[in-house]
Amino acid sequence: MARSINQLKQELAKLEKNTGNLGKELREIYQEYLIQLSQSVKNKLILASYQISTQYYPVEFLELSLSQREKLQNNLKEIGKKYQEKLANGIDEMNQLSQQVKIKLMEQMLMKLAESNPKKGNESQNENEKENSNQKPKDDNENDNNNKEYLTLQKEKIQQKIEEIQRLEANKNSEEIPETITNPDELWAWHLSIEDLIEEILKKISLEANRYLQEAGILSDKLPAKILEMAIVAQESNSITSISPNLLNLAIETEKNEETNESNLTTFIAIRLRLAEIEFAEANVNIKRNQIKNLLAKIETIRQQFHKKQQECAIAEAEAAWRSSWYD
């Protein structure tokens, strides 16, 4: 006999409990990771600024007066301090956005649902029923009806979840947002949001630091801000190379030579803080990153099991609903 709906729901509840436990552990490790990362980011920013000012543009730096140097250095220190706090408090910032994250996740699930094909799941379950109870496999019409029931029930459940989360969001000032996440998809979305936050902060630090270096006259003002931003965001490009950790070597075409009609390539050195390079250089940060990876592997396994049980449960409920309204 195929497993009952109650058995499937119990298995789902067990997976949710395991997800909650892993979520708490992931949250704790991320908190430790972000604190260590924030200190490393501040240090790497100062080191990268020092290298640009003394090794790549020493003449431009020496042309600054003492007060101009102090102003530049203070600005760079303020950037490091500001974003160190943002990184260290990244978990709290994400908690404030957690409801929007859940709504976005659920809406994505709802959109993708129409593209899903539960027929394979139905066929698999029908085969199990045939082997265990010697029942005849369902005909195509009944499978099609079960598919429709499955889609309808799933859409209704997801829509109800979206509405529930939206109500929480509307009343978030009066209602406490739970810290424990028991849905593995929501936990995965939370993890991705933390990673997006880290990358966004690294980008902002790099942009602000380069802007101060340009204002001080160390970096050339011929390097357009938009081009610099694109270079910082880009992962790899033929014209963008890393000459040193957290620095980029950007070659762009400037004005053409009137005599030869050939384009001139001008090289610029700028700051681009990169997470992989920071983690590689900092043993403590790298250890925490590996712990996070190990937890994510476990969560991904639970996600796969959770999706399978959800589909089995939805199919079983759809079949029960079909039988309850079918009359010869």
Protein backbone atom coordinates (compact mmCIF):
# COMPACT_ATOMS: atom_id res chain seq x y z
CA MET A 1 0.00 0.00 0.00
CA ALA A 2 1.15 3.49 -0.71
CA ARG A 3 2.01 5.53 2.34
CA SER A 4 -0.87 7.44 3.87
CA ILE A 5 -1.20 11.20 3.79
CA ASN A 6 -0.59 11.29 7.56
CA GLN A 7 2.66 9.35 7.16
CA LEU A 8 3.85 11.72 4.46
CA LYS A 9 2.97 14.75 6.57
CA GLN A 10 4.88 13.27 9.50
CA GLU A 11 7.91 12.83 7.26
CA LEU A 12 7.57 16.43 6.08
CA ALA A 13 7.34 17.62 9.70
CA LYS A 14 10.54 15.72 10.52
CA LEU A 15 12.34 17.36 7.60
CA GLU A 16 11.08 20.78 8.75
CA LYS A 17 12.40 20.10 12.26
CA ASN A 18 15.80 19.12 10.86
CA THR A 19 15.76 22.26 8.71
CA GLY A 20 15.06 24.41 11.77
CA ASN A 21 18.02 22.87 13.63
CA LEU A 22 20.34 23.34 10.67
CA GLY A 23 19.03 26.89 10.24
CA LYS A 24 19.96 27.80 13.81
CA GLU A 25 23.43 26.36 13.33
CA LEU A 26 23.83 28.17 9.99
CA ARG A 27 22.76 31.45 11.55
CA GLU A 28 25.34 31.11 14.35
CA ILE A 29 28.18 30.27 11.95
CA TYR A 30 27.22 33.10 9.60
CA GLN A 31 27.27 35.53 12.52
CA GLU A 32 30.80 34.47 13.47
CA TYR A 33 31.83 34.51 9.82
CA LEU A 34 30.51 38.03 9.21
CA ILE A 35 32.26 39.43 12.29
CA GLN A 36 35.59 37.98 11.19
CA LEU A 37 35.00 38.97 7.56
CA SER A 38 34.15 42.56 8.50
CA GLN A 39 37.52 43.02 10.22
CA SER A 40 39.34 41.45 7.28
CA VAL A 41 37.51 43.65 4.77
CA LYS A 42 38.51 46.80 6.63
CA ASN A 43 42.14 45.68 6.73
CA LYS A 44 42.20 44.73 3.05
CA LEU A 45 40.70 48.09 2.09
CA ILE A 46 43.50 49.95 3.87
CA LEU A 47 46.13 47.65 2.37
CA ALA A 48 44.77 48.08 -1.16
CA SER A 49 44.63 51.87 -0.70
CA TYR A 50 48.22 51.87 0.56
CA GLN A 51 49.42 49.85 -2.42
CA ILE A 52 47.74 52.16 -4.93
CA SER A 53 49.09 55.28 -3.25
CA THR A 54 52.67 54.10 -2.73
CA GLN A 55 53.39 51.47 -5.42
CA TYR A 56 51.27 52.39 -8.43
CA TYR A 57 50.68 56.15 -8.10
CA PRO A 58 53.44 57.36 -5.73
CA VAL A 59 54.05 60.61 -7.64
CA GLU A 60 50.40 61.61 -7.46
CA PHE A 61 50.32 60.79 -3.74
CA LEU A 62 53.46 62.81 -3.03
CA GLU A 63 51.92 65.83 -4.75
CA LEU A 64 49.25 65.98 -2.04
CA SER A 65 49.75 68.29 0.89
CA LEU A 66 49.87 66.85 4.40
CA SER A 67 46.29 67.94 5.07
CA GLN A 68 45.12 66.36 1.80
CA ARG A 69 46.80 63.06 2.68
CA GLU A 70 45.25 63.09 6.13
CA LYS A 71 41.83 63.84 4.67
CA LEU A 72 42.13 60.95 2.20
CA GLN A 73 43.30 58.54 4.88
CA ASN A 74 40.51 59.60 7.25
CA ASN A 75 37.92 59.12 4.51
CA LEU A 76 39.23 55.63 3.80
CA LYS A 77 39.20 54.75 7.49
CA GLU A 78 35.62 55.99 7.80
CA ILE A 79 34.55 53.83 4.87
CA GLY A 80 36.16 50.80 6.47
CA LYS A 81 34.52 51.48 9.81
CA LYS A 82 31.07 52.12 8.32
CA TYR A 83 30.98 48.95 6.27
CA GLN A 84 32.63 46.87 8.97
CA GLU A 85 29.59 47.60 11.12
CA LYS A 86 27.21 46.82 8.25
CA LEU A 87 28.85 43.45 7.65
CA ALA A 88 29.06 42.53 11.32
CA ASN A 89 25.34 43.34 11.68
CA GLY A 90 24.38 41.65 8.42
CA ILE A 91 22.15 39.07 10.12
CA ASP A 92 20.05 41.78 11.76
CA GLU A 93 19.72 43.66 8.47
CA MET A 94 18.52 40.51 6.74
CA ASN A 95 15.96 39.84 9.49
CA GLN A 96 14.35 43.16 8.64
CA LEU A 97 14.03 42.01 5.03
CA SER A 98 13.11 38.41 5.79
CA GLN A 99 9.41 38.79 5.00
CA GLN A 100 10.08 40.38 1.60
CA VAL A 101 12.50 37.53 0.89
CA LYS A 102 9.81 34.97 1.69
CA ILE A 103 7.23 36.73 -0.47
CA LYS A 104 9.65 36.83 -3.40
CA LEU A 105 10.48 33.16 -2.95
CA MET A 106 6.85 32.12 -2.85
CA GLU A 107 5.99 34.20 -5.90
CA GLN A 108 8.85 32.56 -7.80
CA MET A 109 7.59 29.13 -6.75
CA LEU A 110 4.09 30.03 -7.92
CA MET A 111 5.36 31.18 -11.32
CA LYS A 112 7.45 28.06 -11.82
CA LEU A 113 4.65 25.75 -10.76
CA ALA A 114 2.89 26.01 -14.12
CA GLU A 115 6.06 24.77 -15.79
CA SER A 116 6.41 21.75 -13.50
CA ASN A 117 5.46 18.26 -14.61
CA PRO A 118 4.17 16.10 -11.78
CA LYS A 119 3.18 13.38 -14.21
CA LYS A 120 6.46 11.61 -13.62
CA GLY A 121 5.71 11.59 -9.92
CA ASN A 122 2.25 10.16 -10.59
CA GLU A 123 3.68 7.42 -12.78
CA SER A 124 6.25 6.55 -10.13
CA GLN A 125 3.60 6.38 -7.44
CA ASN A 126 1.30 4.31 -9.68
CA GLU A 127 4.11 1.83 -10.24
CA ASN A 128 4.59 1.50 -6.47
CA GLU A 129 0.87 0.96 -6.00
CA LYS A 130 0.86 -1.66 -8.74
CA GLU A 131 3.76 -3.57 -7.20
CA ASN A 132 2.40 -3.48 -3.66
CA SER A 133 -1.34 -3.94 -4.21
CA ASN A 134 -1.55 -5.47 -7.71
CA GLN A 135 -3.80 -2.62 -8.80
CA LYS A 136 -4.10 -1.75 -12.47
CA PRO A 137 -2.24 1.38 -13.50
CA LYS A 138 -4.42 4.43 -13.90
CA ASP A 139 -5.40 5.38 -17.43
CA ASP A 140 -4.20 8.61 -19.07
CA ASN A 141 -7.42 10.49 -18.35
CA GLU A 142 -7.17 9.78 -14.64
CA ASN A 143 -3.49 10.76 -14.59
CA ASP A 144 -4.32 14.02 -16.37
CA ASN A 145 -7.03 14.75 -13.82
CA ASN A 146 -4.59 14.03 -10.98
CA ASN A 147 -2.07 16.38 -12.57
CA LYS A 148 -4.67 19.15 -12.65
CA GLU A 149 -5.67 18.47 -9.04
CA TYR A 150 -2.02 18.53 -8.03
CA LEU A 151 -1.38 21.89 -9.70
CA THR A 152 -4.55 23.39 -8.27
CA LEU A 153 -3.79 22.29 -4.70
CA GLN A 154 -0.19 23.48 -4.92
CA LYS A 155 -1.21 26.86 -6.28
CA GLU A 156 -3.79 27.29 -3.55
CA LYS A 157 -1.29 26.39 -0.82
CA ILE A 158 1.39 28.72 -2.14
CA GLN A 159 -1.08 31.56 -2.61
CA GLN A 160 -2.29 31.10 0.98
CA LYS A 161 1.34 31.21 2.14
CA ILE A 162 1.98 34.42 0.23
CA GLU A 163 -1.11 36.05 1.74
CA GLU A 164 -0.06 34.92 5.21
CA ILE A 165 3.43 36.40 4.79
CA GLN A 166 2.02 39.62 3.38
CA ARG A 167 -0.20 39.97 6.46
CA LEU A 168 2.86 39.50 8.67
CA GLU A 169 4.73 42.11 6.65
CA ALA A 170 1.85 44.58 7.01
CA ASN A 171 1.83 44.08 10.78
CA LYS A 172 5.55 43.58 11.35
CA ASN A 173 5.68 46.49 13.79
CA SER A 174 3.29 44.69 16.12
CA GLU A 175 4.22 41.08 15.39
CA GLU A 176 7.53 39.41 16.08
CA ILE A 177 9.19 37.79 13.08
CA PRO A 178 10.30 34.25 13.99
CA GLU A 179 14.03 33.61 13.76
CA THR A 180 13.69 29.87 13.09
CA ILE A 181 13.17 28.91 9.44
CA THR A 182 11.74 25.43 8.96
CA ASN A 183 11.14 25.49 5.21
CA PRO A 184 14.37 24.47 3.42
CA ASP A 185 13.57 26.68 0.40
CA GLU A 186 13.15 29.71 2.65
CA LEU A 187 16.38 28.85 4.47
CA TRP A 188 18.21 28.60 1.16
CA ALA A 189 16.76 31.95 0.06
CA TRP A 190 17.94 33.46 3.36
CA HIS A 191 21.46 32.16 2.71
CA LEU A 192 21.48 33.62 -0.81
CA SER A 193 20.31 36.96 0.56
CA ILE A 194 23.22 37.04 3.01
CA GLU A 195 25.64 36.32 0.15
CA ASP A 196 24.05 39.06 -1.97
CA LEU A 197 24.42 41.48 0.95
CA ILE A 198 28.13 40.66 1.27
CA GLU A 199 28.78 41.20 -2.44
CA GLU A 200 26.80 44.45 -2.42
CA ILE A 201 28.81 45.79 0.52
CA LEU A 202 32.13 44.85 -1.10
CA LYS A 203 31.03 46.65 -4.27
CA LYS A 204 30.02 49.78 -2.36
CA ILE A 205 33.29 49.87 -0.40
CA SER A 206 35.30 49.58 -3.62
CA LEU A 207 33.31 52.29 -5.39
CA GLU A 208 33.50 54.74 -2.49
CA ALA A 209 37.22 54.16 -1.94
CA ASN A 210 37.97 54.70 -5.64
CA ARG A 211 35.84 57.84 -5.65
CA TYR A 212 37.90 59.32 -2.79
CA LEU A 213 41.11 58.35 -4.57
CA GLN A 214 39.88 60.13 -7.70
CA GLU A 215 38.83 63.21 -5.76
CA ALA A 216 42.32 63.34 -4.22
CA GLY A 217 43.87 63.17 -7.69
CA ILE A 218 45.56 59.80 -7.23
CA LEU A 219 43.31 57.94 -9.64
CA SER A 220 42.81 59.68 -12.96
CA ASP A 221 39.55 61.54 -13.49
CA LYS A 222 39.66 60.25 -17.09
CA LEU A 223 38.36 56.93 -15.77
CA PRO A 224 34.55 57.27 -16.00
CA ALA A 225 32.66 56.29 -12.87
CA LYS A 226 30.29 54.09 -14.89
CA ILE A 227 33.16 52.17 -16.48
CA LEU A 228 34.77 51.71 -13.09
CA GLU A 229 31.53 50.39 -11.61
CA MET A 230 31.13 47.93 -14.48
CA ALA A 231 34.69 46.73 -13.96
CA ILE A 232 34.11 46.18 -10.26
CA VAL A 233 30.93 44.22 -10.88
CA ALA A 234 32.44 42.15 -13.70
CA GLN A 235 33.78 38.76 -12.71
CA GLU A 236 36.14 38.25 -15.62
CA SER A 237 37.02 40.16 -18.77
CA ASN A 238 39.85 40.23 -21.26
CA SER A 239 40.50 43.87 -20.40
CA ILE A 240 40.17 43.42 -16.65
CA THR A 241 42.92 41.58 -14.80
CA SER A 242 43.95 41.32 -11.19
CA ILE A 243 47.51 42.50 -10.64
CA SER A 244 47.36 41.97 -6.89
CA PRO A 245 44.72 40.75 -4.42
CA ASN A 246 41.79 43.19 -4.30
CA LEU A 247 43.20 45.39 -7.07
CA LEU A 248 42.24 45.44 -10.73
CA ASN A 249 44.16 46.46 -13.80
CA LEU A 250 41.71 48.09 -16.18
CA ALA A 251 42.77 48.90 -19.75
CA ILE A 252 40.31 51.07 -21.67
CA GLU A 253 40.43 52.81 -25.00
CA THR A 254 40.86 56.58 -24.84
CA GLU A 255 41.19 59.10 -27.68
CA LYS A 256 42.76 58.08 -30.99
CA ASN A 257 46.19 59.20 -32.12
CA GLU A 258 45.61 61.77 -34.90
CA GLU A 259 48.80 60.86 -36.77
CA THR A 260 48.46 57.07 -36.78
CA ASN A 261 44.67 56.92 -36.33
CA GLU A 262 45.28 54.14 -33.80
CA SER A 263 43.44 53.83 -30.54
CA ASN A 264 45.29 54.46 -27.30
CA LEU A 265 44.91 52.06 -24.43
CA THR A 266 45.24 53.59 -21.00
CA THR A 267 45.79 51.44 -17.94
CA PHE A 268 44.17 52.25 -14.62
CA ILE A 269 44.75 50.57 -11.27
CA ALA A 270 41.79 50.61 -8.89
CA ILE A 271 40.41 48.88 -5.82
CA ARG A 272 38.13 45.91 -6.23
CA LEU A 273 37.61 43.96 -3.00
CA ARG A 274 36.84 40.34 -3.83
CA LEU A 275 35.40 37.85 -1.40
CA ALA A 276 37.35 34.85 -2.71
CA GLU A 277 40.68 36.68 -2.35
CA ILE A 278 39.86 37.89 1.14
CA GLU A 279 38.83 34.41 2.26
CA PHE A 280 41.95 32.86 0.70
CA ALA A 281 44.22 35.24 2.60
CA GLU A 282 42.45 34.95 5.96
CA ALA A 283 42.59 31.49 7.57
CA ASN A 284 39.90 32.19 10.18
CA VAL A 285 37.46 33.47 7.58
CA ASN A 286 38.22 30.52 5.31
CA ILE A 287 37.52 28.03 8.11
CA LYS A 288 34.10 29.56 8.71
CA ARG A 289 33.36 29.54 4.98
CA ASN A 290 34.10 25.80 4.86
CA GLN A 291 31.76 25.23 7.80
CA ILE A 292 29.05 27.13 5.95
CA LYS A 293 29.62 25.01 2.83
CA ASN A 294 29.27 21.81 4.84
CA LEU A 295 25.97 22.97 6.32
CA LEU A 296 24.67 24.05 2.92
CA ALA A 297 25.38 20.59 1.53
CA LYS A 298 23.17 19.10 4.27
CA ILE A 299 20.45 21.67 3.64
CA GLU A 300 20.50 20.95 -0.09
CA THR A 301 19.98 17.24 0.64
CA ILE A 302 16.99 18.09 2.82
CA ARG A 303 15.62 20.40 0.10
CA GLN A 304 15.61 17.56 -2.40
CA GLN A 305 13.92 15.21 0.07
CA PHE A 306 11.43 17.93 1.03
CA HIS A 307 10.42 18.58 -2.59
CA LYS A 308 9.92 14.87 -3.17
CA LYS A 309 7.75 14.45 -0.06
CA GLN A 310 5.76 17.56 -0.91
CA GLN A 311 4.95 16.20 -4.34
CA GLU A 312 4.06 12.77 -2.97
CA CYS A 313 1.79 14.36 -0.37
CA ALA A 314 0.13 16.66 -2.90
CA ILE A 315 -0.48 13.74 -5.27
CA ALA A 316 -1.93 11.64 -2.45
CA GLU A 317 -4.24 14.51 -1.42
CA ALA A 318 -5.29 15.08 -5.03
CA GLU A 319 -6.09 11.39 -5.46
CA ALA A 320 -8.11 11.40 -2.24
CA ALA A 321 -9.97 14.53 -3.35
CA TRP A 322 -10.68 12.90 -6.72
CA ARG A 323 -12.08 9.77 -5.14
CA SER A 324 -14.21 11.73 -2.69
CA SER A 325 -16.10 13.47 -5.50
CA TRP A 326 -16.20 10.66 -8.09
CA TYR A 327 -19.43 8.78 -8.62
CA ASP A 328 -20.19 6.11 -11.24
